Amino acid sequence: MQSGRFNTRFSVKRPAKVADGFGGFTETESNPVNFWGYFTEKKGIVSGQDGLLIHKVTTEVVVRKNTGDLIFTTDFIQFEGDTTRNFRIGRKYDSTQDYYTTLELIET
């Protein structure tokens, strides 16, 4: 089996409510899926906001379709081992004859 061009490992962070033991709930993050994908940076925008320069990067990640079905558009994506860069999913669509899913990510 060949892995193809999948060169970057990602992890999915999903908000989850768990019982706090006192009759209420607290929100935490679950990690339902780790996956390999092909990562490319598409465009970056530098803008000024409140006197600060903000750099927003739009990236694209191609994953296998079975893995893409496990990822929701409300999830957050992180590089495996790098917790400083968080991405949210802007768009998700099937590509290349339904064998792959493409995720357009926006850095938060």
PDB file of N, CA and C in Angstrom:
ATOM      1  N   MET A   1       0.832  -1.169   0.000  1.00  0.00           N
ATOM      2  CA  MET A   1       0.000   0.000   0.000  1.00  0.00           C
ATOM      3  C   MET A   1       0.887   1.247   0.000  1.00  0.00           C
ATOM      4  N   GLN A   2       0.578   2.204  -0.849  1.00  0.00           N
ATOM      5  CA  GLN A   2       1.325   3.443  -0.903  1.00  0.00           C
ATOM      6  C   GLN A   2       0.513   4.556  -0.258  1.00  0.00           C
ATOM      7  N   SER A   3       1.184   5.368   0.511  1.00  0.00           N
ATOM      8  CA  SER A   3       0.475   6.445   1.209  1.00  0.00           C
ATOM      9  C   SER A   3       0.191   7.622   0.293  1.00  0.00           C
ATOM     10  N   GLY A   4       0.802   7.683  -0.867  1.00  0.00           N
ATOM     11  CA  GLY A   4       0.561   8.791  -1.773  1.00  0.00           C
ATOM     12  C   GLY A   4       1.242  10.048  -1.298  1.00  0.00           C
ATOM     13  N   ARG A   5       0.611  11.168  -1.509  1.00  0.00           N
ATOM     14  CA  ARG A   5       1.233  12.442  -1.187  1.00  0.00           C
ATOM     15  C   ARG A   5       0.820  13.002   0.167  1.00  0.00           C
ATOM     16  N   PHE A   6       0.196  12.214   1.008  1.00  0.00           N
ATOM     17  CA  PHE A   6      -0.205  12.697   2.327  1.00  0.00           C
ATOM     18  C   PHE A   6       1.036  12.847   3.193  1.00  0.00           C
ATOM     19  N   ASN A   7       1.388  14.092   3.505  1.00  0.00           N
ATOM     20  CA  ASN A   7       2.670  14.366   4.139  1.00  0.00           C
ATOM     21  C   ASN A   7       2.567  15.039   5.499  1.00  0.00           C
ATOM     22  N   THR A   8       1.366  15.358   5.957  1.00  0.00           N
ATOM     23  CA  THR A   8       1.201  16.088   7.210  1.00  0.00           C
ATOM     24  C   THR A   8       0.149  15.393   8.068  1.00  0.00           C
ATOM     25  N   ARG A   9       0.458  15.275   9.363  1.00  0.00           N
ATOM     26  CA  ARG A   9      -0.485  14.645  10.288  1.00  0.00           C
ATOM     27  C   ARG A   9      -1.238  15.733  11.046  1.00  0.00           C
ATOM     28  N   PHE A  10      -2.561  15.555  11.146  1.00  0.00           N
ATOM     29  CA  PHE A  10      -3.443  16.521  11.783  1.00  0.00           C
ATOM     30  C   PHE A  10      -4.232  15.845  12.894  1.00  0.00           C
ATOM     31  N   SER A  11      -4.742  16.660  13.796  1.00  0.00           N
ATOM     32  CA  SER A  11      -5.677  16.149  14.793  1.00  0.00           C
ATOM     33  C   SER A  11      -6.897  17.057  14.823  1.00  0.00           C
ATOM     34  N   VAL A  12      -8.038  16.453  15.080  1.00  0.00           N
ATOM     35  CA  VAL A  12      -9.313  17.165  15.121  1.00  0.00           C
ATOM     36  C   VAL A  12      -9.651  17.451  16.575  1.00  0.00           C
ATOM     37  N   LYS A  13     -10.046  18.671  16.847  1.00  0.00           N
ATOM     38  CA  LYS A  13     -10.511  19.062  18.181  1.00  0.00           C
ATOM     39  C   LYS A  13     -11.990  19.392  18.075  1.00  0.00           C
ATOM     40  N   ARG A  14     -12.784  18.708  18.880  1.00  0.00           N
ATOM     41  CA  ARG A  14     -14.239  18.884  18.840  1.00  0.00           C
ATOM     42  C   ARG A  14     -14.734  19.269  20.231  1.00  0.00           C
ATOM     43  N   PRO A  15     -15.508  20.362  20.349  1.00  0.00           N
ATOM     44  CA  PRO A  15     -16.071  20.720  21.653  1.00  0.00           C
ATOM     45  C   PRO A  15     -17.046  19.645  22.138  1.00  0.00           C
ATOM     46  N   ALA A  16     -16.972  19.332  23.422  1.00  0.00           N
ATOM     47  CA  ALA A  16     -17.856  18.305  23.992  1.00  0.00           C
ATOM     48  C   ALA A  16     -18.281  18.739  25.392  1.00  0.00           C
ATOM     49  N   LYS A  17     -19.533  18.446  25.727  1.00  0.00           N
ATOM     50  CA  LYS A  17     -20.040  18.716  27.073  1.00  0.00           C
ATOM     51  C   LYS A  17     -19.900  17.448  27.906  1.00  0.00           C
ATOM     52  N   VAL A  18     -19.350  17.600  29.093  1.00  0.00           N
ATOM     53  CA  VAL A  18     -19.212  16.471  30.011  1.00  0.00           C
ATOM     54  C   VAL A  18     -19.785  16.880  31.366  1.00  0.00           C
ATOM     55  N   ALA A  19     -20.265  15.897  32.088  1.00  0.00           N
ATOM     56  CA  ALA A  19     -20.826  16.154  33.411  1.00  0.00           C
ATOM     57  C   ALA A  19     -19.723  16.592  34.364  1.00  0.00           C
ATOM     58  N   ASP A  20     -20.034  17.598  35.207  1.00  0.00           N
ATOM     59  CA  ASP A  20     -19.023  18.079  36.148  1.00  0.00           C
ATOM     60  C   ASP A  20     -19.143  17.438  37.528  1.00  0.00           C
ATOM     61  N   GLY A  21     -20.106  16.546  37.714  1.00  0.00           N
ATOM     62  CA  GLY A  21     -20.241  15.861  38.990  1.00  0.00           C
ATOM     63  C   GLY A  21     -21.119  16.581  39.994  1.00  0.00           C
ATOM     64  N   PHE A  22     -21.596  17.775  39.648  1.00  0.00           N
ATOM     65  CA  PHE A  22     -22.439  18.548  40.547  1.00  0.00           C
ATOM     66  C   PHE A  22     -23.794  18.852  39.925  1.00  0.00           C
ATOM     67  N   GLY A  23     -24.196  18.075  38.927  1.00  0.00           N
ATOM     68  CA  GLY A  23     -25.484  18.272  38.281  1.00  0.00           C
ATOM     69  C   GLY A  23     -25.442  19.200  37.078  1.00  0.00           C
ATOM     70  N   GLY A  24     -24.271  19.689  36.745  1.00  0.00           N
ATOM     71  CA  GLY A  24     -24.134  20.593  35.604  1.00  0.00           C
ATOM     72  C   GLY A  24     -23.185  20.011  34.566  1.00  0.00           C
ATOM     73  N   PHE A  25     -22.815  20.840  33.639  1.00  0.00           N
ATOM     74  CA  PHE A  25     -21.924  20.410  32.579  1.00  0.00           C
ATOM     75  C   PHE A  25     -20.783  21.405  32.443  1.00  0.00           C
ATOM     76  N   THR A  26     -19.678  20.924  31.946  1.00  0.00           N
ATOM     77  CA  THR A  26     -18.551  21.766  31.596  1.00  0.00           C
ATOM     78  C   THR A  26     -18.131  21.418  30.175  1.00  0.00           C
ATOM     79  N   GLU A  27     -17.596  22.392  29.480  1.00  0.00           N
ATOM     80  CA  GLU A  27     -17.216  22.155  28.091  1.00  0.00           C
ATOM     81  C   GLU A  27     -15.721  21.887  28.008  1.00  0.00           C
ATOM     82  N   THR A  28     -15.371  20.861  27.270  1.00  0.00           N
ATOM     83  CA  THR A  28     -13.983  20.472  27.078  1.00  0.00           C
ATOM     84  C   THR A  28     -13.791  20.079  25.614  1.00  0.00           C
ATOM     85  N   GLU A  29     -12.579  19.724  25.251  1.00  0.00           N
ATOM     86  CA  GLU A  29     -12.305  19.306  23.880  1.00  0.00           C
ATOM     87  C   GLU A  29     -12.081  17.805  23.831  1.00  0.00           C
ATOM     88  N   SER A  30     -12.665  17.181  22.821  1.00  0.00           N
ATOM     89  CA  SER A  30     -12.372  15.778  22.575  1.00  0.00           C
ATOM     90  C   SER A  30     -11.514  15.696  21.318  1.00  0.00           C
ATOM     91  N   ASN A  31     -10.845  14.579  21.160  1.00  0.00           N
ATOM     92  CA  ASN A  31      -9.973  14.365  20.017  1.00  0.00           C
ATOM     93  C   ASN A  31     -10.428  13.094  19.305  1.00  0.00           C
ATOM     94  N   PRO A  32     -11.501  13.188  18.483  1.00  0.00           N
ATOM     95  CA  PRO A  32     -12.069  11.968  17.901  1.00  0.00           C
ATOM     96  C   PRO A  32     -11.266  11.372  16.755  1.00  0.00           C
ATOM     97  N   VAL A  33     -10.491  12.193  16.019  1.00  0.00           N
ATOM     98  CA  VAL A  33      -9.835  11.699  14.810  1.00  0.00           C
ATOM     99  C   VAL A  33      -8.443  12.314  14.681  1.00  0.00           C
ATOM    100  N   ASN A  34      -7.470  11.491  14.357  1.00  0.00           N
ATOM    101  CA  ASN A  34      -6.163  11.923  13.877  1.00  0.00           C
ATOM    102  C   ASN A  34      -6.032  11.413  12.460  1.00  0.00           C
ATOM    103  N   PHE A  35      -5.491  12.215  11.549  1.00  0.00           N
ATOM    104  CA  PHE A  35      -5.456  11.787  10.157  1.00  0.00           C
ATOM    105  C   PHE A  35      -4.262  12.378   9.429  1.00  0.00           C
ATOM    106  N   TRP A  36      -3.925  11.760   8.304  1.00  0.00           N
ATOM    107  CA  TRP A  36      -2.892  12.248   7.402  1.00  0.00           C
ATOM    108  C   TRP A  36      -3.575  12.978   6.263  1.00  0.00           C
ATOM    109  N   GLY A  37      -2.959  14.059   5.792  1.00  0.00           N
ATOM    110  CA  GLY A  37      -3.520  14.811   4.681  1.00  0.00           C
ATOM    111  C   GLY A  37      -2.433  15.515   3.892  1.00  0.00           C
ATOM    112  N   TYR A  38      -2.824  16.009   2.722  1.00  0.00           N
ATOM    113  CA  TYR A  38      -1.914  16.784   1.881  1.00  0.00           C
ATOM    114  C   TYR A  38      -2.228  18.252   2.102  1.00  0.00           C
ATOM    115  N   PHE A  39      -1.269  19.003   2.642  1.00  0.00           N
ATOM    116  CA  PHE A  39      -1.452  20.369   3.092  1.00  0.00           C
ATOM    117  C   PHE A  39      -0.827  21.347   2.104  1.00  0.00           C
ATOM    118  N   THR A  40      -1.595  22.337   1.660  1.00  0.00           N
ATOM    119  CA  THR A  40      -1.060  23.418   0.832  1.00  0.00           C
ATOM    120  C   THR A  40      -1.656  24.738   1.315  1.00  0.00           C
ATOM    121  N   GLU A  41      -0.822  25.775   1.318  1.00  0.00           N
ATOM    122  CA  GLU A  41      -1.303  27.109   1.659  1.00  0.00           C
ATOM    123  C   GLU A  41      -1.751  27.791   0.380  1.00  0.00           C
ATOM    124  N   LYS A  42      -2.983  28.278   0.354  1.00  0.00           N
ATOM    125  CA  LYS A  42      -3.554  28.873  -0.851  1.00  0.00           C
ATOM    126  C   LYS A  42      -3.341  30.379  -0.915  1.00  0.00           C
ATOM    127  N   LYS A  43      -3.690  31.093   0.156  1.00  0.00           N
ATOM    128  CA  LYS A  43      -3.514  32.539   0.134  1.00  0.00           C
ATOM    129  C   LYS A  43      -3.416  33.061   1.557  1.00  0.00           C
ATOM    130  N   GLY A  44      -2.820  34.223   1.681  1.00  0.00           N
ATOM    131  CA  GLY A  44      -2.703  34.879   2.968  1.00  0.00           C
ATOM    132  C   GLY A  44      -3.064  36.341   2.838  1.00  0.00           C
ATOM    133  N   ILE A  45      -3.734  36.866   3.831  1.00  0.00           N
ATOM    134  CA  ILE A  45      -4.169  38.258   3.818  1.00  0.00           C
ATOM    135  C   ILE A  45      -3.639  38.923   5.083  1.00  0.00           C
ATOM    136  N   VAL A  46      -3.007  40.079   4.908  1.00  0.00           N
ATOM    137  CA  VAL A  46      -2.552  40.868   6.043  1.00  0.00           C
ATOM    138  C   VAL A  46      -3.459  42.084   6.120  1.00  0.00           C
ATOM    139  N   SER A  47      -4.071  42.285   7.266  1.00  0.00           N
ATOM    140  CA  SER A  47      -4.975  43.423   7.437  1.00  0.00           C
ATOM    141  C   SER A  47      -4.708  44.079   8.781  1.00  0.00           C
ATOM    142  N   GLY A  48      -5.079  45.345   8.868  1.00  0.00           N
ATOM    143  CA  GLY A  48      -4.926  46.075  10.112  1.00  0.00           C
ATOM    144  C   GLY A  48      -6.234  46.120  10.870  1.00  0.00           C
ATOM    145  N   GLN A  49      -6.169  45.833  12.162  1.00  0.00           N
ATOM    146  CA  GLN A  49      -7.363  45.855  12.994  1.00  0.00           C
ATOM    147  C   GLN A  49      -6.966  46.370  14.372  1.00  0.00           C
ATOM    148  N   ASP A  50      -7.539  47.483  14.778  1.00  0.00           N
ATOM    149  CA  ASP A  50      -7.256  48.100  16.080  1.00  0.00           C
ATOM    150  C   ASP A  50      -5.765  48.364  16.286  1.00  0.00           C
ATOM    151  N   GLY A  51      -5.093  48.781  15.228  1.00  0.00           N
ATOM    152  CA  GLY A  51      -3.675  49.087  15.331  1.00  0.00           C
ATOM    153  C   GLY A  51      -2.753  47.881  15.259  1.00  0.00           C
ATOM    154  N   LEU A  52      -3.307  46.688  15.096  1.00  0.00           N
ATOM    155  CA  LEU A  52      -2.494  45.470  15.006  1.00  0.00           C
ATOM    156  C   LEU A  52      -2.583  44.898  13.600  1.00  0.00           C
ATOM    157  N   LEU A  53      -1.485  44.320  13.137  1.00  0.00           N
ATOM    158  CA  LEU A  53      -1.508  43.620  11.862  1.00  0.00           C
ATOM    159  C   LEU A  53      -1.956  42.183  12.094  1.00  0.00           C
ATOM    160  N   ILE A  54      -2.933  41.746  11.312  1.00  0.00           N
ATOM    161  CA  ILE A  54      -3.468  40.394  11.450  1.00  0.00           C
ATOM    162  C   ILE A  54      -3.192  39.650  10.156  1.00  0.00           C
ATOM    163  N   HIS A  55      -2.613  38.482  10.275  1.00  0.00           N
ATOM    164  CA  HIS A  55      -2.292  37.658   9.109  1.00  0.00           C
ATOM    165  C   HIS A  55      -3.224  36.457   9.098  1.00  0.00           C
ATOM    166  N   LYS A  56      -4.093  36.393   8.084  1.00  0.00           N
ATOM    167  CA  LYS A  56      -5.013  35.266   7.958  1.00  0.00           C
ATOM    168  C   LYS A  56      -4.566  34.406   6.788  1.00  0.00           C
ATOM    169  N   VAL A  57      -4.400  33.134   7.044  1.00  0.00           N
ATOM    170  CA  VAL A  57      -3.948  32.197   6.026  1.00  0.00           C
ATOM    171  C   VAL A  57      -5.086  31.243   5.685  1.00  0.00           C
ATOM    172  N   THR A  58      -5.364  31.090   4.394  1.00  0.00           N
ATOM    173  CA  THR A  58      -6.334  30.105   3.932  1.00  0.00           C
ATOM    174  C   THR A  58      -5.561  28.933   3.359  1.00  0.00           C
ATOM    175  N   THR A  59      -5.831  27.746   3.870  1.00  0.00           N
ATOM    176  CA  THR A  59      -5.107  26.559   3.438  1.00  0.00           C
ATOM    177  C   THR A  59      -6.089  25.519   2.930  1.00  0.00           C
ATOM    178  N   GLU A  60      -5.544  24.523   2.281  1.00  0.00           N
ATOM    179  CA  GLU A  60      -6.355  23.440   1.750  1.00  0.00           C
ATOM    180  C   GLU A  60      -5.720  22.118   2.170  1.00  0.00           C
ATOM    181  N   VAL A  61      -6.539  21.221   2.659  1.00  0.00           N
ATOM    182  CA  VAL A  61      -6.084  19.897   3.064  1.00  0.00           C
ATOM    183  C   VAL A  61      -6.913  18.862   2.325  1.00  0.00           C
ATOM    184  N   VAL A  62      -6.245  17.934   1.650  1.00  0.00           N
ATOM    185  CA  VAL A  62      -6.921  16.844   0.952  1.00  0.00           C
ATOM    186  C   VAL A  62      -6.757  15.590   1.788  1.00  0.00           C
ATOM    187  N   VAL A  63      -7.876  14.924   2.106  1.00  0.00           N
ATOM    188  CA  VAL A  63      -7.874  13.696   2.902  1.00  0.00           C
ATOM    189  C   VAL A  63      -8.663  12.626   2.158  1.00  0.00           C
ATOM    190  N   ARG A  64      -8.509  11.394   2.602  1.00  0.00           N
ATOM    191  CA  ARG A  64      -9.323  10.319   2.023  1.00  0.00           C
ATOM    192  C   ARG A  64     -10.781  10.517   2.406  1.00  0.00           C
ATOM    193  N   LYS A  65     -11.674  10.071   1.539  1.00  0.00           N
ATOM    194  CA  LYS A  65     -13.111  10.307   1.741  1.00  0.00           C
ATOM    195  C   LYS A  65     -13.618   9.692   3.039  1.00  0.00           C
ATOM    196  N   ASN A  66     -13.180   8.496   3.374  1.00  0.00           N
ATOM    197  CA  ASN A  66     -13.640   7.859   4.621  1.00  0.00           C
ATOM    198  C   ASN A  66     -13.250   8.685   5.844  1.00  0.00           C
ATOM    199  N   THR A  67     -12.061   9.263   5.819  1.00  0.00           N
ATOM    200  CA  THR A  67     -11.638  10.127   6.918  1.00  0.00           C
ATOM    201  C   THR A  67     -12.427  11.424   6.908  1.00  0.00           C
ATOM    202  N   GLY A  68     -12.664  11.978   5.733  1.00  0.00           N
ATOM    203  CA  GLY A  68     -13.419  13.223   5.620  1.00  0.00           C
ATOM    204  C   GLY A  68     -14.831  13.106   6.143  1.00  0.00           C
ATOM    205  N   ASP A  69     -15.411  11.912   6.059  1.00  0.00           N
ATOM    206  CA  ASP A  69     -16.764  11.710   6.575  1.00  0.00           C
ATOM    207  C   ASP A  69     -16.818  11.788   8.102  1.00  0.00           C
ATOM    208  N   LEU A  70     -15.694  11.588   8.777  1.00  0.00           N
ATOM    209  CA  LEU A  70     -15.644  11.650  10.245  1.00  0.00           C
ATOM    210  C   LEU A  70     -15.447  13.062  10.770  1.00  0.00           C
ATOM    211  N   ILE A  71     -15.139  14.013   9.878  1.00  0.00           N
ATOM    212  CA  ILE A  71     -14.840  15.384  10.271  1.00  0.00           C
ATOM    213  C   ILE A  71     -16.069  16.247  10.031  1.00  0.00           C
ATOM    214  N   PHE A  72     -16.481  17.011  11.048  1.00  0.00           N
ATOM    215  CA  PHE A  72     -17.620  17.912  10.939  1.00  0.00           C
ATOM    216  C   PHE A  72     -17.129  19.325  10.637  1.00  0.00           C
ATOM    217  N   THR A  73     -18.006  20.139  10.059  1.00  0.00           N
ATOM    218  CA  THR A  73     -17.614  21.513   9.743  1.00  0.00           C
ATOM    219  C   THR A  73     -17.497  22.393  10.986  1.00  0.00           C
ATOM    220  N   THR A  74     -17.943  21.917  12.121  1.00  0.00           N
ATOM    221  CA  THR A  74     -17.811  22.673  13.370  1.00  0.00           C
ATOM    222  C   THR A  74     -16.529  22.334  14.125  1.00  0.00           C
ATOM    223  N   ASP A  75     -15.736  21.385  13.607  1.00  0.00           N
ATOM    224  CA  ASP A  75     -14.501  20.963  14.269  1.00  0.00           C
ATOM    225  C   ASP A  75     -13.379  21.964  14.035  1.00  0.00           C
ATOM    226  N   PHE A  76     -12.369  21.883  14.887  1.00  0.00           N
ATOM    227  CA  PHE A  76     -11.134  22.636  14.722  1.00  0.00           C
ATOM    228  C   PHE A  76     -10.027  21.658  14.367  1.00  0.00           C
ATOM    229  N   ILE A  77      -9.086  22.113  13.548  1.00  0.00           N
ATOM    230  CA  ILE A  77      -7.989  21.266  13.076  1.00  0.00           C
ATOM    231  C   ILE A  77      -6.683  21.850  13.595  1.00  0.00           C
ATOM    232  N   GLN A  78      -5.773  20.970  14.043  1.00  0.00           N
ATOM    233  CA  GLN A  78      -4.439  21.368  14.476  1.00  0.00           C
ATOM    234  C   GLN A  78      -3.410  20.468  13.807  1.00  0.00           C
ATOM    235  N   PHE A  79      -2.222  21.038  13.576  1.00  0.00           N
ATOM    236  CA  PHE A  79      -1.100  20.198  13.168  1.00  0.00           C
ATOM    237  C   PHE A  79      -0.748  19.298  14.339  1.00  0.00           C
ATOM    238  N   GLU A  80      -0.420  18.066  14.059  1.00  0.00           N
ATOM    239  CA  GLU A  80      -0.014  17.140  15.118  1.00  0.00           C
ATOM    240  C   GLU A  80       1.287  17.648  15.732  1.00  0.00           C
ATOM    241  N   GLY A  81       1.289  17.895  17.017  1.00  0.00           N
ATOM    242  CA  GLY A  81       2.477  18.348  17.718  1.00  0.00           C
ATOM    243  C   GLY A  81       2.649  19.860  17.758  1.00  0.00           C
ATOM    244  N   ASP A  82       1.809  20.626  17.070  1.00  0.00           N
ATOM    245  CA  ASP A  82       1.894  22.089  17.072  1.00  0.00           C
ATOM    246  C   ASP A  82       0.558  22.648  17.542  1.00  0.00           C
ATOM    247  N   THR A  83       0.500  23.035  18.807  1.00  0.00           N
ATOM    248  CA  THR A  83      -0.761  23.518  19.367  1.00  0.00           C
ATOM    249  C   THR A  83      -0.930  25.020  19.199  1.00  0.00           C
ATOM    250  N   THR A  84       0.034  25.690  18.559  1.00  0.00           N
ATOM    251  CA  THR A  84      -0.053  27.136  18.410  1.00  0.00           C
ATOM    252  C   THR A  84      -0.895  27.548  17.208  1.00  0.00           C
ATOM    253  N   ARG A  85      -1.058  26.671  16.235  1.00  0.00           N
ATOM    254  CA  ARG A  85      -1.842  27.002  15.037  1.00  0.00           C
ATOM    255  C   ARG A  85      -3.155  26.231  15.065  1.00  0.00           C
ATOM    256  N   ASN A  86      -4.257  26.972  15.112  1.00  0.00           N
ATOM    257  CA  ASN A  86      -5.600  26.378  15.084  1.00  0.00           C
ATOM    258  C   ASN A  86      -6.295  26.818  13.805  1.00  0.00           C
ATOM    259  N   PHE A  87      -7.003  25.890  13.193  1.00  0.00           N
ATOM    260  CA  PHE A  87      -7.731  26.177  11.968  1.00  0.00           C
ATOM    261  C   PHE A  87      -9.194  25.800  12.163  1.00  0.00           C
ATOM    262  N   ARG A  88     -10.082  26.556  11.539  1.00  0.00           N
ATOM    263  CA  ARG A  88     -11.480  26.153  11.480  1.00  0.00           C
ATOM    264  C   ARG A  88     -11.806  25.840  10.032  1.00  0.00           C
ATOM    265  N   ILE A  89     -12.829  25.039   9.822  1.00  0.00           N
ATOM    266  CA  ILE A  89     -13.171  24.583   8.480  1.00  0.00           C
ATOM    267  C   ILE A  89     -14.095  25.612   7.836  1.00  0.00           C
ATOM    268  N   GLY A  90     -13.649  26.167   6.712  1.00  0.00           N
ATOM    269  CA  GLY A  90     -14.461  27.119   5.973  1.00  0.00           C
ATOM    270  C   GLY A  90     -15.373  26.432   4.975  1.00  0.00           C
ATOM    271  N   ARG A  91     -14.846  25.407   4.307  1.00  0.00           N
ATOM    272  CA  ARG A  91     -15.602  24.667   3.298  1.00  0.00           C
ATOM    273  C   ARG A  91     -15.138  23.227   3.277  1.00  0.00           C
ATOM    274  N   LYS A  92     -16.054  22.337   2.964  1.00  0.00           N
ATOM    275  CA  LYS A  92     -15.735  20.909   2.878  1.00  0.00           C
ATOM    276  C   LYS A  92     -16.475  20.347   1.677  1.00  0.00           C
ATOM    277  N   TYR A  93     -15.757  19.705   0.766  1.00  0.00           N
ATOM    278  CA  TYR A  93     -16.408  19.151  -0.420  1.00  0.00           C
ATOM    279  C   TYR A  93     -15.639  17.937  -0.921  1.00  0.00           C
ATOM    280  N   ASP A  94     -16.358  17.040  -1.599  1.00  0.00           N
ATOM    281  CA  ASP A  94     -15.744  15.856  -2.205  1.00  0.00           C
ATOM    282  C   ASP A  94     -15.054  16.261  -3.494  1.00  0.00           C
ATOM    283  N   SER A  95     -13.915  15.624  -3.765  1.00  0.00           N
ATOM    284  CA  SER A  95     -13.150  15.964  -4.957  1.00  0.00           C
ATOM    285  C   SER A  95     -12.531  14.710  -5.555  1.00  0.00           C
ATOM    286  N   THR A  96     -12.057  14.834  -6.766  1.00  0.00           N
ATOM    287  CA  THR A  96     -11.362  13.786  -7.496  1.00  0.00           C
ATOM    288  C   THR A  96     -12.159  12.481  -7.505  1.00  0.00           C
ATOM    289  N   GLN A  97     -13.285  12.521  -8.160  1.00  0.00           N
ATOM    290  CA  GLN A  97     -14.141  11.349  -8.365  1.00  0.00           C
ATOM    291  C   GLN A  97     -14.543  10.668  -7.056  1.00  0.00           C
ATOM    292  N   ASP A  98     -14.805  11.460  -6.042  1.00  0.00           N
ATOM    293  CA  ASP A  98     -15.323  10.982  -4.745  1.00  0.00           C
ATOM    294  C   ASP A  98     -14.372  10.069  -3.982  1.00  0.00           C
ATOM    295  N   TYR A  99     -13.089  10.074  -4.301  1.00  0.00           N
ATOM    296  CA  TYR A  99     -12.125   9.299  -3.517  1.00  0.00           C
ATOM    297  C   TYR A  99     -11.495  10.131  -2.411  1.00  0.00           C
ATOM    298  N   TYR A 100     -11.595  11.455  -2.533  1.00  0.00           N
ATOM    299  CA  TYR A 100     -10.979  12.363  -1.575  1.00  0.00           C
ATOM    300  C   TYR A 100     -11.983  13.417  -1.133  1.00  0.00           C
ATOM    301  N   THR A 101     -11.703  14.017   0.022  1.00  0.00           N
ATOM    302  CA  THR A 101     -12.459  15.150   0.522  1.00  0.00           C
ATOM    303  C   THR A 101     -11.481  16.300   0.697  1.00  0.00           C
ATOM    304  N   THR A 102     -11.863  17.482   0.250  1.00  0.00           N
ATOM    305  CA  THR A 102     -11.024  18.670   0.395  1.00  0.00           C
ATOM    306  C   THR A 102     -11.611  19.559   1.471  1.00  0.00           C
ATOM    307  N   LEU A 103     -10.752  19.990   2.391  1.00  0.00           N
ATOM    308  CA  LEU A 103     -11.132  20.889   3.468  1.00  0.00           C
ATOM    309  C   LEU A 103     -10.426  22.212   3.244  1.00  0.00           C
ATOM    310  N   GLU A 104     -11.171  23.302   3.157  1.00  0.00           N
ATOM    311  CA  GLU A 104     -10.575  24.623   3.127  1.00  0.00           C
ATOM    312  C   GLU A 104     -10.554  25.146   4.559  1.00  0.00           C
ATOM    313  N   LEU A 105      -9.358  25.421   5.070  1.00  0.00           N
ATOM    314  CA  LEU A 105      -9.178  25.805   6.461  1.00  0.00           C
ATOM    315  C   LEU A 105      -8.793  27.266   6.565  1.00  0.00           C
ATOM    316  N   ILE A 106      -9.279  27.930   7.604  1.00  0.00           N
ATOM    317  CA  ILE A 106      -8.949  29.319   7.882  1.00  0.00           C
ATOM    318  C   ILE A 106      -8.297  29.363   9.255  1.00  0.00           C
ATOM    319  N   GLU A 107      -7.107  29.949   9.314  1.00  0.00           N
ATOM    320  CA  GLU A 107      -6.376  30.002  10.577  1.00  0.00           C
ATOM    321  C   GLU A 107      -7.061  30.977  11.529  1.00  0.00           C
ATOM    322  N   THR A 108      -7.234  30.548  12.782  1.00  0.00           N
ATOM    323  CA  THR A 108      -7.882  31.412  13.764  1.00  0.00           C
ATOM    324  C   THR A 108      -6.872  31.985  14.725  1.00  0.00           C
TER     325      THR A 108
END
